[in-house]
N, C-alpha and C. Protein backbone atom coordinates (compact mmCIF):
# COMPACT_ATOMS: atom_id res chain seq x y z
N UNK A 1 -19.69 -19.04 21.39
CA UNK A 1 -19.24 -17.77 21.61
C UNK A 1 -20.26 -17.06 22.07
N UNK A 2 -19.90 -15.72 22.76
CA UNK A 2 -21.08 -14.75 23.52
C UNK A 2 -21.57 -14.34 22.23
N UNK A 3 -22.70 -13.40 22.43
CA UNK A 3 -23.24 -12.82 21.42
C UNK A 3 -22.75 -11.46 21.15
N UNK A 4 -22.20 -10.87 22.38
CA UNK A 4 -21.40 -9.40 22.18
C UNK A 4 -20.11 -9.81 21.41
N UNK A 5 -19.40 -11.14 21.46
CA UNK A 5 -18.19 -11.22 20.78
C UNK A 5 -18.41 -11.42 19.12
N UNK A 6 -20.00 -11.88 18.76
CA UNK A 6 -20.06 -12.20 17.82
C UNK A 6 -20.36 -10.78 17.06
N UNK A 7 -20.98 -9.82 17.74
CA UNK A 7 -21.32 -8.53 17.10
C UNK A 7 -20.03 -7.80 17.12
N UNK A 8 -19.47 -8.03 17.75
CA UNK A 8 -18.10 -7.26 17.91
C UNK A 8 -17.34 -7.57 16.43
N UNK A 9 -17.10 -8.76 16.17
CA UNK A 9 -16.31 -9.63 15.12
C UNK A 9 -17.49 -9.04 13.73
N UNK A 10 -18.52 -8.97 13.69
CA UNK A 10 -19.08 -8.23 12.56
C UNK A 10 -19.17 -6.79 12.46
N UNK A 11 -18.96 -6.32 13.25
CA UNK A 11 -18.48 -4.59 13.09
C UNK A 11 -17.30 -4.46 12.70
N UNK A 12 -16.19 -5.19 13.18
CA UNK A 12 -14.78 -5.54 12.50
C UNK A 12 -14.98 -5.68 11.24
N UNK A 13 -15.40 -6.76 10.81
CA UNK A 13 -15.75 -7.09 9.80
C UNK A 13 -16.21 -6.08 8.48
N UNK A 14 -17.56 -5.52 8.82
CA UNK A 14 -18.12 -4.73 8.16
C UNK A 14 -17.22 -3.33 8.11
N UNK A 15 -16.62 -3.28 8.90
CA UNK A 15 -15.59 -1.80 9.05
C UNK A 15 -14.42 -2.19 7.80
N UNK A 16 -13.98 -3.31 7.77
CA UNK A 16 -12.96 -3.73 7.04
C UNK A 16 -13.40 -3.75 5.64
N UNK A 17 -14.43 -4.07 5.38
CA UNK A 17 -15.00 -4.41 3.92
C UNK A 17 -15.11 -2.87 3.76
N UNK A 18 -15.71 -1.77 4.50
CA UNK A 18 -16.08 -0.63 3.92
C UNK A 18 -14.80 -0.07 3.70
N UNK A 19 -14.07 0.35 4.53
CA UNK A 19 -12.32 0.68 4.42
C UNK A 19 -11.96 -0.02 3.20
N UNK A 20 -12.07 -1.13 2.81
CA UNK A 20 -11.20 -1.66 1.63
C UNK A 20 -12.43 -1.00 0.09
N UNK A 21 -13.77 -0.79 0.46
CA UNK A 21 -14.43 -0.26 -0.50
C UNK A 21 -13.69 1.06 -0.84
N UNK A 22 -13.85 1.82 0.30
CA UNK A 22 -13.08 3.09 0.15
C UNK A 22 -12.13 3.46 -0.33
N UNK A 23 -11.07 2.37 0.01
CA UNK A 23 -9.92 2.58 -0.73
C UNK A 23 -9.93 2.17 -2.32
N UNK A 24 -10.53 1.35 -2.46
CA UNK A 24 -10.66 0.82 -4.18
C UNK A 24 -11.62 1.79 -4.76
N UNK A 25 -12.42 2.70 -4.13
CA UNK A 25 -13.14 3.96 -4.79
C UNK A 25 -12.12 5.09 -4.93
N UNK A 26 -11.17 5.29 -4.05
CA UNK A 26 -10.42 6.67 -4.29
C UNK A 26 -9.28 6.12 -5.35
N UNK A 27 -8.92 4.82 -5.27
CA UNK A 27 -8.08 4.40 -6.34
C UNK A 27 -8.66 4.63 -7.72
N UNK A 28 -9.96 4.02 -7.78
CA UNK A 28 -10.62 4.05 -9.34
C UNK A 28 -10.99 5.65 -9.68
N UNK A 29 -11.18 6.40 -9.12
CA UNK A 29 -11.45 7.69 -9.15
C UNK A 29 -10.21 8.49 -9.65
N UNK A 30 -8.97 8.27 -8.90
CA UNK A 30 -7.73 9.18 -8.89
C UNK A 30 -6.93 8.41 -10.40
N UNK A 31 -6.97 7.17 -10.79
CA UNK A 31 -6.57 6.70 -11.79
C UNK A 31 -6.96 6.48 -12.95
N UNK A 32 -6.93 6.74 -14.16
CA UNK A 32 -7.84 6.78 -14.98
C UNK A 32 -7.39 5.10 -15.90
N UNK A 33 -8.19 4.72 -17.03
CA UNK A 33 -7.62 3.43 -17.46
C UNK A 33 -6.29 3.47 -18.00
N UNK A 34 -6.01 4.51 -18.63
CA UNK A 34 -4.88 4.99 -19.35
C UNK A 34 -3.55 4.74 -18.25
N UNK A 35 -3.73 5.05 -17.24
CA UNK A 35 -2.69 4.92 -16.28
C UNK A 35 -2.71 3.93 -15.16
N UNK A 36 -4.12 3.12 -15.10
CA UNK A 36 -3.83 1.70 -14.06
C UNK A 36 -2.87 0.71 -14.46
N UNK A 37 -2.63 0.74 -15.40
CA UNK A 37 -1.17 -0.20 -15.71
C UNK A 37 0.00 0.31 -14.99
N UNK A 38 0.24 1.68 -15.27
CA UNK A 38 1.44 2.19 -14.48
C UNK A 38 1.38 1.83 -12.72
N UNK A 39 -0.26 2.48 -12.69
CA UNK A 39 -0.39 2.02 -11.07
C UNK A 39 0.00 0.61 -10.55
N UNK A 40 -0.63 -0.15 -11.66
CA UNK A 40 -0.50 -1.46 -10.66
C UNK A 40 1.09 -1.95 -10.97
N UNK A 41 1.88 -1.45 -11.88
CA UNK A 41 3.30 -1.36 -11.97
C UNK A 41 4.00 -0.80 -10.90
N UNK A 42 3.79 0.21 -10.33
CA UNK A 42 4.55 0.86 -9.26
C UNK A 42 4.26 0.18 -7.91
N UNK A 43 2.71 -0.24 -7.87
CA UNK A 43 2.57 -0.90 -6.66
C UNK A 43 2.80 -2.62 -6.83
N UNK A 44 3.56 -2.99 -7.72
CA UNK A 44 4.04 -4.31 -7.68
C UNK A 44 5.45 -4.12 -7.22
N UNK A 45 6.09 -3.14 -7.88
CA UNK A 45 7.45 -2.89 -7.48
C UNK A 45 7.78 -2.53 -6.03
N UNK A 46 6.99 -2.07 -5.68
CA UNK A 46 6.52 -1.47 -3.93
C UNK A 46 7.05 -2.36 -3.25
N UNK A 47 5.62 -3.57 -3.51
CA UNK A 47 5.60 -4.95 -2.86
C UNK A 47 7.06 -5.77 -2.72
N UNK A 48 7.41 -5.59 -4.00
CA UNK A 48 8.54 -6.47 -3.99
C UNK A 48 10.01 -6.01 -3.44
N UNK A 49 9.82 -4.49 -3.58
CA UNK A 49 10.69 -3.62 -2.43
C UNK A 49 10.55 -4.16 -1.29
N UNK A 50 9.39 -4.17 -0.70
CA UNK A 50 9.10 -4.35 0.97
C UNK A 50 9.29 -5.78 1.34
N UNK A 51 8.74 -6.66 0.31
CA UNK A 51 9.26 -7.84 0.62
C UNK A 51 10.80 -8.20 0.71
N UNK A 52 11.47 -7.73 -0.40
CA UNK A 52 12.77 -7.90 0.02
C UNK A 52 13.47 -7.12 1.13
N UNK A 53 12.98 -6.21 1.50
CA UNK A 53 13.58 -5.67 3.10
C UNK A 53 13.17 -6.64 4.10
N UNK A 54 12.20 -7.18 4.02
CA UNK A 54 11.62 -8.16 4.94
C UNK A 54 12.36 -9.66 5.01
N UNK A 55 12.75 -10.04 3.96
CA UNK A 55 13.46 -11.13 3.51
C UNK A 55 14.97 -11.12 3.60
N UNK A 56 15.48 -9.71 3.68
CA UNK A 56 16.99 -9.29 4.22
C UNK A 56 16.97 -9.59 5.47
N UNK A 57 16.09 -9.00 6.35
CA UNK A 57 15.96 -8.77 7.72
C UNK A 57 16.01 -10.22 8.47
N UNK A 58 15.11 -10.81 7.43
CA UNK A 58 15.17 -12.17 8.33
C UNK A 58 15.98 -13.11 8.15
N UNK A 59 16.97 -13.04 6.83
CA UNK A 59 18.13 -13.71 6.52
C UNK A 59 19.37 -13.44 7.35
N UNK A 60 18.78 -11.83 7.86
CA UNK A 60 20.35 -11.50 8.98
C UNK A 60 21.09 -11.02 8.03
N UNK A 61 20.81 -10.21 6.91
CA UNK A 61 21.42 -9.24 5.70
C UNK A 61 21.26 -7.96 6.32
N UNK A 62 20.33 -7.30 6.91
CA UNK A 62 19.84 -6.21 7.77
C UNK A 62 19.94 -6.83 9.04
N UNK A 63 20.81 -6.09 10.04
CA UNK A 63 20.72 -6.58 11.27
C UNK A 63 20.27 -5.94 12.50
N UNK A 64 19.86 -4.60 12.15
CA UNK A 64 18.84 -3.95 13.35
C UNK A 64 17.60 -3.53 12.65
N UNK A 65 16.91 -3.34 13.83
CA UNK A 65 15.78 -2.65 13.41
C UNK A 65 15.56 -1.16 12.70
N UNK A 66 16.55 -0.51 13.58
CA UNK A 66 16.80 0.98 12.86
C UNK A 66 16.92 1.03 11.41
N UNK A 67 18.01 0.25 10.79
CA UNK A 67 18.16 -0.31 9.52
C UNK A 67 16.98 -0.54 8.68
N UNK A 68 16.15 -1.45 9.29
CA UNK A 68 14.77 -2.02 8.61
C UNK A 68 14.19 -0.80 8.57
N UNK A 69 13.76 -0.36 9.36
CA UNK A 69 13.15 1.07 9.56
C UNK A 69 13.58 2.18 8.66
N UNK A 70 14.56 2.45 8.47
CA UNK A 70 15.29 3.39 7.46
C UNK A 70 15.09 2.68 5.81
N UNK A 71 15.08 1.64 5.71
CA UNK A 71 14.72 0.97 4.39
C UNK A 71 13.57 1.26 4.01
N UNK A 72 12.83 0.98 5.06
CA UNK A 72 11.28 0.99 4.85
C UNK A 72 10.67 2.60 4.52
N UNK A 73 11.34 3.67 5.72
CA UNK A 73 11.06 4.90 5.08
C UNK A 73 11.45 5.43 3.73
N UNK A 74 12.85 4.75 3.24
CA UNK A 74 13.29 5.07 1.84
C UNK A 74 12.14 4.51 0.98
N UNK A 75 11.37 3.69 1.08
CA UNK A 75 10.84 2.82 0.04
C UNK A 75 9.39 3.46 0.12
N UNK A 76 8.85 3.82 1.21
CA UNK A 76 7.68 4.57 1.61
C UNK A 76 7.84 6.06 0.59
N UNK A 77 8.79 6.69 0.71
CA UNK A 77 9.37 7.91 0.11
C UNK A 77 9.26 7.75 -1.48
N UNK A 78 9.92 6.49 -1.91
CA UNK A 78 10.10 6.27 -3.47
C UNK A 78 8.50 5.77 -3.74
N UNK A 79 7.94 5.26 -3.12
CA UNK A 79 6.51 4.76 -3.33
C UNK A 79 5.56 6.01 -3.77
N UNK A 80 5.81 6.90 -2.62
CA UNK A 80 4.91 7.94 -2.62
C UNK A 80 5.29 9.20 -3.68
N UNK A 81 6.51 9.27 -3.99
CA UNK A 81 6.98 10.04 -5.30
C UNK A 81 6.42 9.44 -6.42
N UNK A 82 6.54 8.20 -6.62
CA UNK A 82 6.15 7.70 -7.84
C UNK A 82 4.45 7.69 -8.13
N UNK A 83 3.92 7.56 -7.03
CA UNK A 83 2.26 7.91 -7.22
C UNK A 83 2.25 9.23 -7.29
N UNK A 84 2.80 10.42 -6.70
CA UNK A 84 2.65 11.79 -7.02
C UNK A 84 2.70 11.95 -8.41
N UNK A 85 3.98 11.67 -8.92
CA UNK A 85 4.54 11.84 -10.21
C UNK A 85 3.46 10.96 -11.44
N UNK A 86 2.46 10.04 -11.03
CA UNK A 86 1.39 9.37 -11.82
C UNK A 86 0.38 9.78 -11.57
N UNK A 87 0.17 10.84 -10.52
CA UNK A 87 -1.12 11.82 -10.28
C UNK A 87 -1.08 12.90 -11.29
N UNK A 88 0.19 13.33 -10.97
CA UNK A 88 0.64 14.80 -11.67
C UNK A 88 0.47 14.78 -13.22
N UNK A 89 1.07 13.72 -13.69
CA UNK A 89 1.24 13.45 -15.22
C UNK A 89 -0.44 13.20 -15.58
N UNK A 90 -1.25 12.66 -14.76
CA UNK A 90 -2.75 12.69 -14.96
C UNK A 90 -3.33 14.29 -15.12
N UNK A 91 -2.84 14.95 -14.28
CA UNK A 91 -3.82 15.93 -14.11
C UNK A 91 -2.99 17.19 -15.60
N UNK A 92 -1.86 16.84 -15.70
CA UNK A 92 -1.43 17.67 -16.90
C UNK A 92 -1.70 17.09 -18.39
N UNK A 93 -2.41 15.67 -18.36
CA UNK A 93 -2.87 15.28 -19.23
C UNK A 93 -4.41 16.00 -19.56
N UNK A 94 -5.26 16.14 -18.70
CA UNK A 94 -6.12 16.63 -18.57
C UNK A 94 -6.56 18.13 -19.24
């Protein structure tokens, strides 16, 4: 493999690691120990919903990309509202 290709891959790996660390830091700073379980629950349910949408599309129960897009939009709105409610409840407790 050419040297410049290796360097490019190393930069991409470092960027992904830094991005992952940044996201972890934001999450850890936003959620207290008291509400991390609720955050995990919200995230797990969101992943389940998203997976269900993908499986429904794959199985043919959802037959258009437009319908998939709409289901994902609804899923993202619900996820955002749940996270905002969780963060808002944290601020009210302080």
